[in-house]
Amino acid sequence: TLLIILIIVAFVLILYTPLKHHLQRKFTVTSIGRKVYKLAVDYDYLLVQNFSFRLDENKSATFHHLLFGDKFFYCIVDRVYIGGITGSYKDESIINYKSSKSDEYSLVPNPIVSNQRRVEKFSLVSGIEREDLISIVLVNDDCLISEKLDVRNGRDFIIHISDLPKLIKEIESRHIGKINSKQIENVVREKILRMNINY
């Protein structure tokens, strides 16, 4: 019986970390979705969750959230990282380090570059001007984001989920005219929902 107990304990220890990370990722993604939904309700913005559109016959692209503000449309993807991320916002890959006390790291695709490309393709396919689209990568709050990843171009962002309301408020306060609400509803009904292969 001692051998059986040791085997069970070893099995649990082996699976603990991957299982913990999987559950944390699942919980965080659900939590992000709820927070974006609450923001849409609070600001009275239209929101399409889990929006996928065709690039060609074999490929599609997905935004986890399309948020339609008064002045801009926000193309948002969620990312969950354990530890922190660093690198250049221009590079194809960035570094995801597991902790500041460890040398363990991995190269991961740069979500800023990926979302910029996704937004550009969405602009081409939808006919919505690129200047009206804001690219946002939402990252879990406990992830450390290096300042090197700050794009600072005013239309591409990587931020913690808790910073989203503040960012939206700042962007929507820019001194440009609002988009007509009927026009936004028409864009969503006539273009976005028809393009959404998940609808």
C-alpha atoms as a PDB file:
ATOM      1  CA  THR A   1       0.000   0.000   0.000  1.00  0.00           C
ATOM      2  CA  LEU A   2       2.885   2.369   0.626  1.00  0.00           C
ATOM      3  CA  LEU A   3       4.037   1.851  -2.952  1.00  0.00           C
ATOM      4  CA  ILE A   4       0.571   2.694  -4.264  1.00  0.00           C
ATOM      5  CA  ILE A   5       0.459   5.862  -2.153  1.00  0.00           C
ATOM      6  CA  LEU A   6       3.924   6.903  -3.412  1.00  0.00           C
ATOM      7  CA  ILE A   7       2.845   6.310  -7.009  1.00  0.00           C
ATOM      8  CA  ILE A   8      -0.295   8.403  -6.513  1.00  0.00           C
ATOM      9  CA  VAL A   9       1.695  11.217  -4.855  1.00  0.00           C
ATOM     10  CA  ALA A  10       4.283  11.158  -7.671  1.00  0.00           C
ATOM     11  CA  PHE A  11       1.516  11.211 -10.277  1.00  0.00           C
ATOM     12  CA  VAL A  12      -0.171  14.199  -8.585  1.00  0.00           C
ATOM     13  CA  LEU A  13       3.129  16.079  -8.335  1.00  0.00           C
ATOM     14  CA  ILE A  14       3.880  15.472 -12.010  1.00  0.00           C
ATOM     15  CA  LEU A  15       0.453  16.696 -13.127  1.00  0.00           C
ATOM     16  CA  TYR A  16       0.044  19.536 -10.611  1.00  0.00           C
ATOM     17  CA  THR A  17       1.851  22.312 -12.508  1.00  0.00           C
ATOM     18  CA  PRO A  18       0.395  21.645 -15.989  1.00  0.00           C
ATOM     19  CA  LEU A  19      -3.076  21.202 -14.507  1.00  0.00           C
ATOM     20  CA  LYS A  20      -2.721  24.362 -12.429  1.00  0.00           C
ATOM     21  CA  HIS A  21      -1.635  26.364 -15.510  1.00  0.00           C
ATOM     22  CA  HIS A  22      -4.471  24.953 -17.609  1.00  0.00           C
ATOM     23  CA  LEU A  23      -7.089  25.844 -14.993  1.00  0.00           C
ATOM     24  CA  GLN A  24      -5.571  29.290 -14.468  1.00  0.00           C
ATOM     25  CA  ARG A  25      -5.648  29.940 -18.228  1.00  0.00           C
ATOM     26  CA  LYS A  26      -9.273  28.771 -18.518  1.00  0.00           C
ATOM     27  CA  PHE A  27     -10.385  30.875 -15.532  1.00  0.00           C
ATOM     28  CA  THR A  28      -8.520  33.975 -16.766  1.00  0.00           C
ATOM     29  CA  VAL A  29     -10.010  33.808 -20.284  1.00  0.00           C
ATOM     30  CA  THR A  30     -13.526  33.511 -18.821  1.00  0.00           C
ATOM     31  CA  SER A  31     -12.807  36.385 -16.440  1.00  0.00           C
ATOM     32  CA  ILE A  32     -11.525  38.596 -19.283  1.00  0.00           C
ATOM     33  CA  GLY A  33     -14.699  37.934 -21.292  1.00  0.00           C
ATOM     34  CA  ARG A  34     -16.868  38.977 -18.352  1.00  0.00           C
ATOM     35  CA  LYS A  35     -14.874  42.167 -17.791  1.00  0.00           C
ATOM     36  CA  VAL A  36     -15.098  43.196 -21.460  1.00  0.00           C
ATOM     37  CA  TYR A  37     -18.841  42.485 -21.404  1.00  0.00           C
ATOM     38  CA  LYS A  38     -19.255  44.626 -18.253  1.00  0.00           C
ATOM     39  CA  LEU A  39     -17.334  47.467 -19.905  1.00  0.00           C
ATOM     40  CA  ALA A  40     -19.602  47.273 -22.978  1.00  0.00           C
ATOM     41  CA  VAL A  41     -22.685  47.427 -20.762  1.00  0.00           C
ATOM     42  CA  ASP A  42     -21.285  50.289 -18.625  1.00  0.00           C
ATOM     43  CA  TYR A  43     -20.431  52.423 -21.687  1.00  0.00           C
ATOM     44  CA  ASP A  44     -23.462  51.276 -23.714  1.00  0.00           C
ATOM     45  CA  TYR A  45     -21.221  49.979 -26.528  1.00  0.00           C
ATOM     46  CA  LEU A  46     -22.072  47.182 -28.927  1.00  0.00           C
ATOM     47  CA  LEU A  47     -19.977  44.058 -28.414  1.00  0.00           C
ATOM     48  CA  VAL A  48     -19.458  40.955 -30.525  1.00  0.00           C
ATOM     49  CA  GLN A  49     -17.679  38.148 -28.660  1.00  0.00           C
ATOM     50  CA  ASN A  50     -15.685  35.389 -30.388  1.00  0.00           C
ATOM     51  CA  PHE A  51     -15.681  36.985 -33.839  1.00  0.00           C
ATOM     52  CA  SER A  52     -14.059  34.922 -36.609  1.00  0.00           C
ATOM     53  CA  PHE A  53     -13.812  35.979 -40.236  1.00  0.00           C
ATOM     54  CA  ARG A  54     -12.554  34.298 -43.388  1.00  0.00           C
ATOM     55  CA  LEU A  55      -9.255  35.334 -44.908  1.00  0.00           C
ATOM     56  CA  ASP A  56      -9.657  32.865 -47.769  1.00  0.00           C
ATOM     57  CA  GLU A  57     -11.249  29.461 -48.336  1.00  0.00           C
ATOM     58  CA  ASN A  58      -8.893  27.694 -45.918  1.00  0.00           C
ATOM     59  CA  LYS A  59      -7.942  30.346 -43.354  1.00  0.00           C
ATOM     60  CA  SER A  60      -9.772  32.422 -40.794  1.00  0.00           C
ATOM     61  CA  ALA A  61      -8.813  34.868 -38.058  1.00  0.00           C
ATOM     62  CA  THR A  62     -10.417  35.559 -34.687  1.00  0.00           C
ATOM     63  CA  PHE A  63     -10.881  38.489 -32.338  1.00  0.00           C
ATOM     64  CA  HIS A  64     -12.074  37.435 -28.921  1.00  0.00           C
ATOM     65  CA  HIS A  65     -13.964  40.718 -28.637  1.00  0.00           C
ATOM     66  CA  LEU A  66     -15.042  43.394 -31.120  1.00  0.00           C
ATOM     67  CA  LEU A  67     -16.095  46.445 -29.124  1.00  0.00           C
ATOM     68  CA  PHE A  68     -17.806  49.301 -30.960  1.00  0.00           C
ATOM     69  CA  GLY A  69     -17.162  52.621 -29.219  1.00  0.00           C
ATOM     70  CA  ASP A  70     -18.492  56.060 -30.053  1.00  0.00           C
ATOM     71  CA  LYS A  71     -15.356  57.007 -32.035  1.00  0.00           C
ATOM     72  CA  PHE A  72     -13.407  53.796 -32.676  1.00  0.00           C
ATOM     73  CA  PHE A  73     -13.843  50.049 -33.103  1.00  0.00           C
ATOM     74  CA  TYR A  74     -11.680  47.917 -30.794  1.00  0.00           C
ATOM     75  CA  CYS A  75     -10.273  44.626 -32.098  1.00  0.00           C
ATOM     76  CA  ILE A  76      -9.303  42.718 -28.966  1.00  0.00           C
ATOM     77  CA  VAL A  77      -7.527  39.418 -28.363  1.00  0.00           C
ATOM     78  CA  ASP A  78      -6.830  37.752 -25.005  1.00  0.00           C
ATOM     79  CA  ARG A  79      -3.485  36.268 -24.008  1.00  0.00           C
ATOM     80  CA  VAL A  80      -2.543  34.497 -20.789  1.00  0.00           C
ATOM     81  CA  TYR A  81       1.113  34.258 -19.795  1.00  0.00           C
ATOM     82  CA  ILE A  82       2.665  32.703 -16.723  1.00  0.00           C
ATOM     83  CA  GLY A  83       5.418  34.983 -15.389  1.00  0.00           C
ATOM     84  CA  GLY A  84       6.250  37.892 -17.667  1.00  0.00           C
ATOM     85  CA  ILE A  85       6.910  38.958 -21.239  1.00  0.00           C
ATOM     86  CA  THR A  86       9.640  41.068 -22.785  1.00  0.00           C
ATOM     87  CA  GLY A  87      11.175  41.849 -26.159  1.00  0.00           C
ATOM     88  CA  SER A  88      10.645  44.361 -28.907  1.00  0.00           C
ATOM     89  CA  TYR A  89       7.116  45.139 -30.031  1.00  0.00           C
ATOM     90  CA  LYS A  90       8.405  44.926 -33.642  1.00  0.00           C
ATOM     91  CA  ASP A  91       9.845  41.396 -33.464  1.00  0.00           C
ATOM     92  CA  GLU A  92       8.033  38.272 -34.650  1.00  0.00           C
ATOM     93  CA  SER A  93       8.624  36.588 -31.263  1.00  0.00           C
ATOM     94  CA  ILE A  94       8.861  37.785 -27.687  1.00  0.00           C
ATOM     95  CA  ILE A  95      10.256  36.141 -24.552  1.00  0.00           C
ATOM     96  CA  ASN A  96       7.902  34.634 -21.982  1.00  0.00           C
ATOM     97  CA  TYR A  97       9.912  34.088 -18.800  1.00  0.00           C
ATOM     98  CA  LYS A  98       8.328  31.928 -16.133  1.00  0.00           C
ATOM     99  CA  SER A  99       9.624  33.927 -13.143  1.00  0.00           C
ATOM    100  CA  SER A 100      12.186  36.596 -12.353  1.00  0.00           C
ATOM    101  CA  LYS A 101      14.077  34.079 -10.180  1.00  0.00           C
ATOM    102  CA  SER A 102      14.421  31.472 -12.899  1.00  0.00           C
ATOM    103  CA  ASP A 103      16.276  31.147 -16.190  1.00  0.00           C
ATOM    104  CA  GLU A 104      13.314  29.266 -17.658  1.00  0.00           C
ATOM    105  CA  TYR A 105      11.845  31.061 -20.664  1.00  0.00           C
ATOM    106  CA  SER A 106      10.373  30.373 -24.078  1.00  0.00           C
ATOM    107  CA  LEU A 107       9.941  32.280 -27.309  1.00  0.00           C
ATOM    108  CA  VAL A 108       6.291  32.909 -28.146  1.00  0.00           C
ATOM    109  CA  PRO A 109       4.691  34.620 -31.148  1.00  0.00           C
ATOM    110  CA  ASN A 110       4.468  38.370 -30.631  1.00  0.00           C
ATOM    111  CA  PRO A 111       0.755  39.062 -29.983  1.00  0.00           C
ATOM    112  CA  ILE A 112       1.139  42.748 -30.914  1.00  0.00           C
ATOM    113  CA  VAL A 113       2.431  41.961 -34.406  1.00  0.00           C
ATOM    114  CA  SER A 114      -0.106  39.145 -34.854  1.00  0.00           C
ATOM    115  CA  ASN A 115      -3.020  41.378 -33.903  1.00  0.00           C
ATOM    116  CA  GLN A 116      -1.754  44.264 -36.068  1.00  0.00           C
ATOM    117  CA  ARG A 117      -1.784  41.923 -39.075  1.00  0.00           C
ATOM    118  CA  ARG A 118      -5.202  40.560 -38.101  1.00  0.00           C
ATOM    119  CA  VAL A 119      -6.592  44.105 -37.853  1.00  0.00           C
ATOM    120  CA  GLU A 120      -5.122  45.078 -41.236  1.00  0.00           C
ATOM    121  CA  LYS A 121      -6.699  42.010 -42.863  1.00  0.00           C
ATOM    122  CA  PHE A 122     -10.003  42.735 -41.124  1.00  0.00           C
ATOM    123  CA  SER A 123      -9.876  46.293 -42.474  1.00  0.00           C
ATOM    124  CA  LEU A 124      -9.339  45.009 -46.020  1.00  0.00           C
ATOM    125  CA  VAL A 125     -12.074  42.356 -45.810  1.00  0.00           C
ATOM    126  CA  SER A 126     -14.649  44.541 -44.032  1.00  0.00           C
ATOM    127  CA  GLY A 127     -13.998  47.841 -45.798  1.00  0.00           C
ATOM    128  CA  ILE A 128     -13.652  49.599 -42.416  1.00  0.00           C
ATOM    129  CA  GLU A 129     -10.843  52.167 -42.489  1.00  0.00           C
ATOM    130  CA  ARG A 130      -7.724  51.091 -40.557  1.00  0.00           C
ATOM    131  CA  GLU A 131      -7.696  54.484 -38.812  1.00  0.00           C
ATOM    132  CA  ASP A 132     -11.038  53.591 -37.186  1.00  0.00           C
ATOM    133  CA  LEU A 133      -9.693  50.335 -35.730  1.00  0.00           C
ATOM    134  CA  ILE A 134      -7.748  50.024 -32.481  1.00  0.00           C
ATOM    135  CA  SER A 135      -5.724  46.852 -31.868  1.00  0.00           C
ATOM    136  CA  ILE A 136      -5.653  45.699 -28.234  1.00  0.00           C
ATOM    137  CA  VAL A 137      -3.968  42.656 -26.715  1.00  0.00           C
ATOM    138  CA  LEU A 138      -5.372  41.983 -23.245  1.00  0.00           C
ATOM    139  CA  VAL A 139      -3.020  40.197 -20.860  1.00  0.00           C
ATOM    140  CA  ASN A 140      -3.746  38.701 -17.451  1.00  0.00           C
ATOM    141  CA  ASP A 141      -3.111  41.150 -14.592  1.00  0.00           C
ATOM    142  CA  ASP A 142      -0.460  38.998 -12.887  1.00  0.00           C
ATOM    143  CA  CYS A 143       1.762  38.952 -15.989  1.00  0.00           C
ATOM    144  CA  LEU A 144       4.696  41.373 -15.972  1.00  0.00           C
ATOM    145  CA  ILE A 145       4.780  43.363 -19.230  1.00  0.00           C
ATOM    146  CA  SER A 146       8.132  44.893 -20.184  1.00  0.00           C
ATOM    147  CA  GLU A 147       8.109  48.583 -21.141  1.00  0.00           C
ATOM    148  CA  LYS A 148       9.895  47.534 -24.350  1.00  0.00           C
ATOM    149  CA  LEU A 149       6.539  46.211 -25.565  1.00  0.00           C
ATOM    150  CA  ASP A 150       4.877  49.645 -25.372  1.00  0.00           C
ATOM    151  CA  VAL A 151       4.137  50.526 -29.001  1.00  0.00           C
ATOM    152  CA  ARG A 152       3.154  54.183 -28.461  1.00  0.00           C
ATOM    153  CA  ASN A 153       1.607  54.712 -31.890  1.00  0.00           C
ATOM    154  CA  GLY A 154      -1.879  55.434 -30.559  1.00  0.00           C
ATOM    155  CA  ARG A 155      -3.591  52.520 -32.258  1.00  0.00           C
ATOM    156  CA  ASP A 156      -1.848  49.302 -31.091  1.00  0.00           C
ATOM    157  CA  PHE A 157      -1.762  48.349 -27.408  1.00  0.00           C
ATOM    158  CA  ILE A 158      -0.802  45.522 -25.072  1.00  0.00           C
ATOM    159  CA  ILE A 159      -2.281  46.058 -21.611  1.00  0.00           C
ATOM    160  CA  HIS A 160      -3.497  44.323 -18.480  1.00  0.00           C
ATOM    161  CA  ILE A 161      -7.218  43.605 -18.394  1.00  0.00           C
ATOM    162  CA  SER A 162      -7.638  45.935 -15.407  1.00  0.00           C
ATOM    163  CA  ASP A 163      -6.333  48.843 -17.534  1.00  0.00           C
ATOM    164  CA  LEU A 164      -8.910  48.400 -20.314  1.00  0.00           C
ATOM    165  CA  PRO A 165     -11.585  50.817 -19.019  1.00  0.00           C
ATOM    166  CA  LYS A 166      -8.994  53.576 -18.544  1.00  0.00           C
ATOM    167  CA  LEU A 167      -7.518  52.996 -22.011  1.00  0.00           C
ATOM    168  CA  ILE A 168     -10.938  53.031 -23.714  1.00  0.00           C
ATOM    169  CA  LYS A 169     -11.838  56.237 -21.864  1.00  0.00           C
ATOM    170  CA  GLU A 170      -8.570  57.897 -22.980  1.00  0.00           C
ATOM    171  CA  ILE A 171      -8.987  56.854 -26.613  1.00  0.00           C
ATOM    172  CA  GLU A 172     -12.651  57.871 -26.744  1.00  0.00           C
ATOM    173  CA  SER A 173     -11.718  61.310 -25.356  1.00  0.00           C
ATOM    174  CA  ARG A 174      -9.647  62.124 -28.449  1.00  0.00           C
ATOM    175  CA  HIS A 175     -10.826  65.253 -30.221  1.00  0.00           C
ATOM    176  CA  ILE A 176     -12.523  63.715 -33.224  1.00  0.00           C
ATOM    177  CA  GLY A 177     -16.190  63.410 -34.098  1.00  0.00           C
ATOM    178  CA  LYS A 178     -18.344  60.544 -32.912  1.00  0.00           C
ATOM    179  CA  ILE A 179     -19.584  57.924 -35.323  1.00  0.00           C
ATOM    180  CA  ASN A 180     -23.350  58.038 -35.751  1.00  0.00           C
ATOM    181  CA  SER A 181     -24.891  55.305 -33.544  1.00  0.00           C
ATOM    182  CA  LYS A 182     -27.245  54.220 -36.344  1.00  0.00           C
ATOM    183  CA  GLN A 183     -24.224  53.887 -38.627  1.00  0.00           C
ATOM    184  CA  ILE A 184     -22.507  51.679 -36.025  1.00  0.00           C
ATOM    185  CA  GLU A 185     -25.595  49.476 -35.720  1.00  0.00           C
ATOM    186  CA  ASN A 186     -25.753  49.145 -39.515  1.00  0.00           C
ATOM    187  CA  VAL A 187     -22.069  48.206 -39.720  1.00  0.00           C
ATOM    188  CA  VAL A 188     -22.567  45.534 -37.062  1.00  0.00           C
ATOM    189  CA  ARG A 189     -25.778  44.176 -38.599  1.00  0.00           C
ATOM    190  CA  GLU A 190     -24.908  44.420 -42.287  1.00  0.00           C
ATOM    191  CA  LYS A 191     -21.178  43.649 -42.230  1.00  0.00           C
ATOM    192  CA  ILE A 192     -19.889  42.234 -38.969  1.00  0.00           C
ATOM    193  CA  LEU A 193     -22.561  39.664 -38.155  1.00  0.00           C
ATOM    194  CA  ARG A 194     -22.607  38.456 -41.772  1.00  0.00           C
ATOM    195  CA  MET A 195     -18.824  38.072 -41.758  1.00  0.00           C
ATOM    196  CA  ASN A 196     -18.784  36.207 -38.435  1.00  0.00           C
ATOM    197  CA  ILE A 197     -18.388  32.513 -39.225  1.00  0.00           C
ATOM    198  CA  ASN A 198     -19.256  31.767 -35.563  1.00  0.00           C
ATOM    199  CA  TYR A 199     -22.657  33.492 -35.819  1.00  0.00           C
END
